[in-house]
Amino acid sequence: MGKKAVYLYLDCNMNLDFKTIMTIKVLLEPNCSTCKATLTTIQQAAKNYAGQEKIIVEEINDVQKILEYNVWAMPAVIVNEEIKSMGKRLTLKQAEEIIRSALK
């Protein structure tokens, strides 16, 4: 089961507010068109849920950091430190389903 963290942040009106944050890491190789497409798709899916959750999407292409996740195919999608996809170009529908399932 994915972990959720609660962070304190200032909204654009400078009001204090608590929001649940989901972190999605996209591990990718340079010069990989499938990796870049998956990153773009994940970013779009996260924007679609922006009103419901604050979702952070991180792009990770540092080899040392990638090795920490013990993945064997790129791109890899990590949601709240759990591998959700590896070696696949995700459609928008698949990316949204990954987010939706992590919110449960």
N, C-alpha and C. Protein backbone atom coordinates (compact mmCIF):
# COMPACT_ATOMS: atom_id res chain seq x y z
N MET A 1 0.85 -1.17 0.00
CA MET A 1 0.00 0.00 0.00
C MET A 1 0.90 1.23 0.00
N GLY A 2 0.59 2.22 -0.83
CA GLY A 2 1.38 3.43 -0.95
C GLY A 2 1.28 4.28 0.30
N LYS A 3 2.32 5.04 0.53
CA LYS A 3 2.34 5.93 1.68
C LYS A 3 1.90 7.31 1.22
N LYS A 4 1.24 8.03 2.11
CA LYS A 4 0.86 9.41 1.84
C LYS A 4 1.50 10.26 2.93
N ALA A 5 1.95 11.42 2.55
CA ALA A 5 2.54 12.34 3.52
C ALA A 5 1.71 13.61 3.54
N VAL A 6 1.65 14.23 4.68
CA VAL A 6 0.93 15.49 4.78
C VAL A 6 1.97 16.58 4.97
N TYR A 7 1.92 17.59 4.12
CA TYR A 7 2.84 18.70 4.15
C TYR A 7 2.10 20.00 4.39
N LEU A 8 2.76 20.94 5.00
CA LEU A 8 2.22 22.27 5.19
C LEU A 8 2.78 23.14 4.08
N TYR A 9 1.91 23.87 3.40
CA TYR A 9 2.40 24.76 2.37
C TYR A 9 1.53 26.01 2.33
N LEU A 10 2.05 27.04 1.69
CA LEU A 10 1.30 28.28 1.51
C LEU A 10 0.67 28.26 0.14
N ASP A 11 -0.64 28.50 0.06
CA ASP A 11 -1.26 28.57 -1.25
C ASP A 11 -1.01 29.96 -1.84
N CYS A 12 -1.49 30.21 -3.04
CA CYS A 12 -1.19 31.46 -3.73
C CYS A 12 -1.78 32.68 -3.03
N ASN A 13 -2.72 32.49 -2.12
CA ASN A 13 -3.28 33.61 -1.35
C ASN A 13 -2.57 33.75 0.00
N MET A 14 -1.47 33.03 0.17
CA MET A 14 -0.68 33.06 1.40
C MET A 14 -1.45 32.54 2.60
N ASN A 15 -2.38 31.64 2.38
CA ASN A 15 -3.12 31.00 3.46
C ASN A 15 -2.45 29.68 3.80
N LEU A 16 -2.34 29.38 5.09
CA LEU A 16 -1.79 28.09 5.49
C LEU A 16 -2.82 27.01 5.21
N ASP A 17 -2.36 25.88 4.71
CA ASP A 17 -3.28 24.81 4.38
C ASP A 17 -2.53 23.49 4.43
N PHE A 18 -3.21 22.43 4.85
CA PHE A 18 -2.64 21.10 4.83
C PHE A 18 -3.18 20.36 3.62
N LYS A 19 -2.31 19.74 2.87
CA LYS A 19 -2.72 18.99 1.69
C LYS A 19 -2.00 17.65 1.69
N THR A 20 -2.67 16.65 1.17
CA THR A 20 -2.04 15.34 0.98
C THR A 20 -1.24 15.40 -0.30
N ILE A 21 -0.05 14.89 -0.26
CA ILE A 21 0.83 14.95 -1.42
C ILE A 21 1.17 13.54 -1.88
N MET A 22 1.08 13.32 -3.17
CA MET A 22 1.53 12.08 -3.78
C MET A 22 2.80 12.42 -4.56
N THR A 23 3.80 11.60 -4.43
CA THR A 23 5.03 11.81 -5.18
C THR A 23 5.17 10.72 -6.23
N ILE A 24 5.30 11.15 -7.48
CA ILE A 24 5.52 10.22 -8.59
C ILE A 24 6.90 10.50 -9.16
N LYS A 25 7.71 9.47 -9.20
CA LYS A 25 9.05 9.59 -9.79
C LYS A 25 9.06 8.82 -11.10
N VAL A 26 9.53 9.47 -12.14
CA VAL A 26 9.67 8.81 -13.43
C VAL A 26 11.16 8.64 -13.68
N LEU A 27 11.61 7.39 -13.67
CA LEU A 27 13.01 7.07 -13.91
C LEU A 27 13.19 6.89 -15.41
N LEU A 28 14.14 7.62 -15.97
CA LEU A 28 14.30 7.54 -17.42
C LEU A 28 15.75 7.67 -17.84
N GLU A 29 15.97 7.21 -19.07
CA GLU A 29 17.29 7.30 -19.69
C GLU A 29 17.31 8.50 -20.63
N PRO A 30 18.46 9.13 -20.77
CA PRO A 30 18.55 10.21 -21.76
C PRO A 30 18.39 9.63 -23.17
N ASN A 31 17.86 10.40 -24.05
CA ASN A 31 17.67 10.00 -25.46
C ASN A 31 16.70 8.83 -25.64
N CYS A 32 15.79 8.65 -24.70
CA CYS A 32 14.80 7.58 -24.78
C CYS A 32 13.44 8.22 -25.04
N SER A 33 12.92 8.06 -26.25
CA SER A 33 11.65 8.70 -26.60
C SER A 33 10.48 8.12 -25.80
N THR A 34 10.51 6.84 -25.52
CA THR A 34 9.46 6.21 -24.72
C THR A 34 9.47 6.78 -23.30
N CYS A 35 10.66 7.00 -22.77
CA CYS A 35 10.79 7.57 -21.42
C CYS A 35 10.21 8.98 -21.37
N LYS A 36 10.57 9.79 -22.34
CA LYS A 36 10.09 11.17 -22.37
C LYS A 36 8.57 11.22 -22.56
N ALA A 37 8.05 10.33 -23.39
CA ALA A 37 6.60 10.28 -23.61
C ALA A 37 5.87 9.88 -22.33
N THR A 38 6.42 8.93 -21.60
CA THR A 38 5.81 8.51 -20.34
C THR A 38 5.85 9.63 -19.32
N LEU A 39 6.95 10.36 -19.24
CA LEU A 39 7.05 11.50 -18.33
C LEU A 39 5.98 12.52 -18.65
N THR A 40 5.81 12.85 -19.92
CA THR A 40 4.80 13.82 -20.35
C THR A 40 3.40 13.33 -19.99
N THR A 41 3.14 12.06 -20.19
CA THR A 41 1.83 11.48 -19.89
C THR A 41 1.55 11.52 -18.38
N ILE A 42 2.54 11.18 -17.58
CA ILE A 42 2.38 11.23 -16.12
C ILE A 42 2.12 12.67 -15.67
N GLN A 43 2.84 13.62 -16.24
CA GLN A 43 2.64 15.03 -15.88
C GLN A 43 1.22 15.47 -16.22
N GLN A 44 0.71 15.05 -17.37
CA GLN A 44 -0.65 15.41 -17.77
C GLN A 44 -1.68 14.77 -16.83
N ALA A 45 -1.48 13.51 -16.51
CA ALA A 45 -2.41 12.83 -15.60
C ALA A 45 -2.40 13.50 -14.22
N ALA A 46 -1.23 13.92 -13.76
CA ALA A 46 -1.14 14.59 -12.46
C ALA A 46 -1.88 15.93 -12.50
N LYS A 47 -1.80 16.64 -13.61
CA LYS A 47 -2.52 17.90 -13.75
C LYS A 47 -4.03 17.66 -13.70
N ASN A 48 -4.49 16.55 -14.27
CA ASN A 48 -5.91 16.23 -14.27
C ASN A 48 -6.45 16.02 -12.85
N TYR A 49 -5.57 15.65 -11.92
CA TYR A 49 -5.98 15.42 -10.53
C TYR A 49 -5.59 16.57 -9.62
N ALA A 50 -5.09 17.65 -10.17
CA ALA A 50 -4.55 18.75 -9.36
C ALA A 50 -5.56 19.31 -8.38
N GLY A 51 -6.84 19.32 -8.73
CA GLY A 51 -7.84 19.86 -7.82
C GLY A 51 -8.12 18.97 -6.64
N GLN A 52 -7.83 17.68 -6.77
CA GLN A 52 -8.13 16.72 -5.72
C GLN A 52 -6.93 16.46 -4.81
N GLU A 53 -5.78 16.42 -5.37
CA GLU A 53 -4.55 16.12 -4.63
C GLU A 53 -3.43 17.00 -5.19
N LYS A 54 -2.48 17.33 -4.35
CA LYS A 54 -1.27 17.98 -4.84
C LYS A 54 -0.31 16.85 -5.17
N ILE A 55 0.03 16.74 -6.43
CA ILE A 55 0.87 15.64 -6.89
C ILE A 55 2.18 16.21 -7.41
N ILE A 56 3.27 15.68 -6.90
CA ILE A 56 4.60 16.09 -7.33
C ILE A 56 5.13 15.03 -8.30
N VAL A 57 5.57 15.48 -9.47
CA VAL A 57 6.17 14.57 -10.45
C VAL A 57 7.65 14.92 -10.56
N GLU A 58 8.50 13.94 -10.30
CA GLU A 58 9.95 14.13 -10.37
C GLU A 58 10.52 13.33 -11.53
N GLU A 59 11.40 13.95 -12.26
CA GLU A 59 12.13 13.28 -13.33
C GLU A 59 13.48 12.86 -12.77
N ILE A 60 13.79 11.58 -12.85
CA ILE A 60 15.07 11.08 -12.33
C ILE A 60 15.82 10.39 -13.46
N ASN A 61 17.00 10.93 -13.77
CA ASN A 61 17.83 10.32 -14.80
C ASN A 61 19.26 10.09 -14.32
N ASP A 62 19.49 10.25 -13.03
CA ASP A 62 20.79 9.99 -12.43
C ASP A 62 20.93 8.48 -12.21
N VAL A 63 21.97 7.90 -12.78
CA VAL A 63 22.15 6.45 -12.75
C VAL A 63 22.21 5.92 -11.32
N GLN A 64 22.91 6.60 -10.44
CA GLN A 64 23.03 6.14 -9.05
C GLN A 64 21.67 6.09 -8.37
N LYS A 65 20.83 7.10 -8.60
CA LYS A 65 19.49 7.11 -8.00
C LYS A 65 18.61 6.03 -8.61
N ILE A 66 18.74 5.82 -9.91
CA ILE A 66 17.95 4.78 -10.58
C ILE A 66 18.31 3.40 -10.01
N LEU A 67 19.59 3.16 -9.79
CA LEU A 67 20.03 1.87 -9.25
C LEU A 67 19.45 1.58 -7.87
N GLU A 68 19.15 2.62 -7.11
CA GLU A 68 18.56 2.44 -5.78
C GLU A 68 17.18 1.77 -5.84
N TYR A 69 16.50 1.91 -6.98
CA TYR A 69 15.15 1.35 -7.11
C TYR A 69 15.14 -0.07 -7.66
N ASN A 70 16.31 -0.56 -8.07
CA ASN A 70 16.42 -1.94 -8.55
C ASN A 70 15.44 -2.24 -9.69
N VAL A 71 15.35 -1.32 -10.63
CA VAL A 71 14.50 -1.54 -11.80
C VAL A 71 15.39 -2.01 -12.95
N TRP A 72 14.83 -2.81 -13.83
CA TRP A 72 15.61 -3.37 -14.92
C TRP A 72 15.16 -2.90 -16.30
N ALA A 73 14.15 -2.06 -16.37
CA ALA A 73 13.70 -1.54 -17.66
C ALA A 73 13.20 -0.11 -17.48
N MET A 74 13.48 0.70 -18.48
CA MET A 74 13.05 2.10 -18.45
C MET A 74 11.96 2.32 -19.49
N PRO A 75 11.07 3.23 -19.27
CA PRO A 75 10.93 4.08 -18.09
C PRO A 75 10.31 3.29 -16.94
N ALA A 76 10.55 3.78 -15.74
CA ALA A 76 9.92 3.19 -14.57
C ALA A 76 9.16 4.29 -13.85
N VAL A 77 7.98 3.95 -13.37
CA VAL A 77 7.14 4.90 -12.65
C VAL A 77 7.03 4.42 -11.21
N ILE A 78 7.45 5.28 -10.29
CA ILE A 78 7.45 4.98 -8.87
C ILE A 78 6.46 5.92 -8.20
N VAL A 79 5.46 5.38 -7.51
CA VAL A 79 4.47 6.19 -6.81
C VAL A 79 4.63 5.94 -5.32
N ASN A 80 4.93 6.99 -4.59
CA ASN A 80 5.13 6.88 -3.14
C ASN A 80 6.07 5.73 -2.80
N GLU A 81 7.18 5.68 -3.55
CA GLU A 81 8.26 4.70 -3.35
C GLU A 81 7.87 3.26 -3.70
N GLU A 82 6.82 3.06 -4.47
CA GLU A 82 6.41 1.73 -4.91
C GLU A 82 6.43 1.70 -6.44
N ILE A 83 7.07 0.69 -7.02
CA ILE A 83 7.15 0.56 -8.47
C ILE A 83 5.76 0.23 -9.01
N LYS A 84 5.28 1.05 -9.95
CA LYS A 84 3.95 0.85 -10.53
C LYS A 84 4.02 0.45 -12.00
N SER A 85 5.09 0.80 -12.68
CA SER A 85 5.23 0.46 -14.10
C SER A 85 6.71 0.44 -14.44
N MET A 86 7.06 -0.49 -15.35
CA MET A 86 8.45 -0.61 -15.76
C MET A 86 8.52 -1.05 -17.22
N GLY A 87 9.28 -0.31 -18.02
CA GLY A 87 9.54 -0.70 -19.40
C GLY A 87 8.39 -0.49 -20.36
N LYS A 88 7.39 0.34 -19.98
CA LYS A 88 6.23 0.54 -20.84
C LYS A 88 5.99 2.03 -21.10
N ARG A 89 5.54 2.32 -22.29
CA ARG A 89 5.06 3.66 -22.61
C ARG A 89 3.59 3.70 -22.18
N LEU A 90 3.29 4.53 -21.20
CA LEU A 90 1.93 4.58 -20.66
C LEU A 90 1.03 5.49 -21.48
N THR A 91 -0.22 5.07 -21.60
CA THR A 91 -1.24 5.95 -22.17
C THR A 91 -1.74 6.86 -21.05
N LEU A 92 -2.47 7.89 -21.42
CA LEU A 92 -3.03 8.79 -20.41
C LEU A 92 -3.97 8.01 -19.49
N LYS A 93 -4.76 7.13 -20.06
CA LYS A 93 -5.70 6.33 -19.26
C LYS A 93 -4.95 5.46 -18.25
N GLN A 94 -3.85 4.84 -18.67
CA GLN A 94 -3.06 4.01 -17.75
C GLN A 94 -2.42 4.85 -16.64
N ALA A 95 -1.92 6.02 -17.00
CA ALA A 95 -1.31 6.91 -16.01
C ALA A 95 -2.35 7.37 -15.00
N GLU A 96 -3.53 7.72 -15.47
CA GLU A 96 -4.61 8.14 -14.56
C GLU A 96 -5.02 7.01 -13.64
N GLU A 97 -5.03 5.79 -14.14
CA GLU A 97 -5.39 4.63 -13.32
C GLU A 97 -4.33 4.39 -12.23
N ILE A 98 -3.07 4.59 -12.56
CA ILE A 98 -2.01 4.46 -11.56
C ILE A 98 -2.22 5.46 -10.43
N ILE A 99 -2.55 6.69 -10.79
CA ILE A 99 -2.80 7.72 -9.78
C ILE A 99 -4.04 7.39 -8.97
N ARG A 100 -5.10 7.02 -9.67
CA ARG A 100 -6.37 6.70 -9.01
C ARG A 100 -6.18 5.57 -8.00
N SER A 101 -5.47 4.53 -8.39
CA SER A 101 -5.28 3.39 -7.48
C SER A 101 -4.40 3.77 -6.28
N ALA A 102 -3.47 4.68 -6.47
CA ALA A 102 -2.61 5.11 -5.36
C ALA A 102 -3.37 5.99 -4.37
N LEU A 103 -4.43 6.62 -4.84
CA LEU A 103 -5.23 7.49 -3.96
C LEU A 103 -6.16 6.71 -3.04
N LYS A 104 -6.38 5.44 -3.35
CA LYS A 104 -7.31 4.63 -2.55
C LYS A 104 -6.70 4.26 -1.22
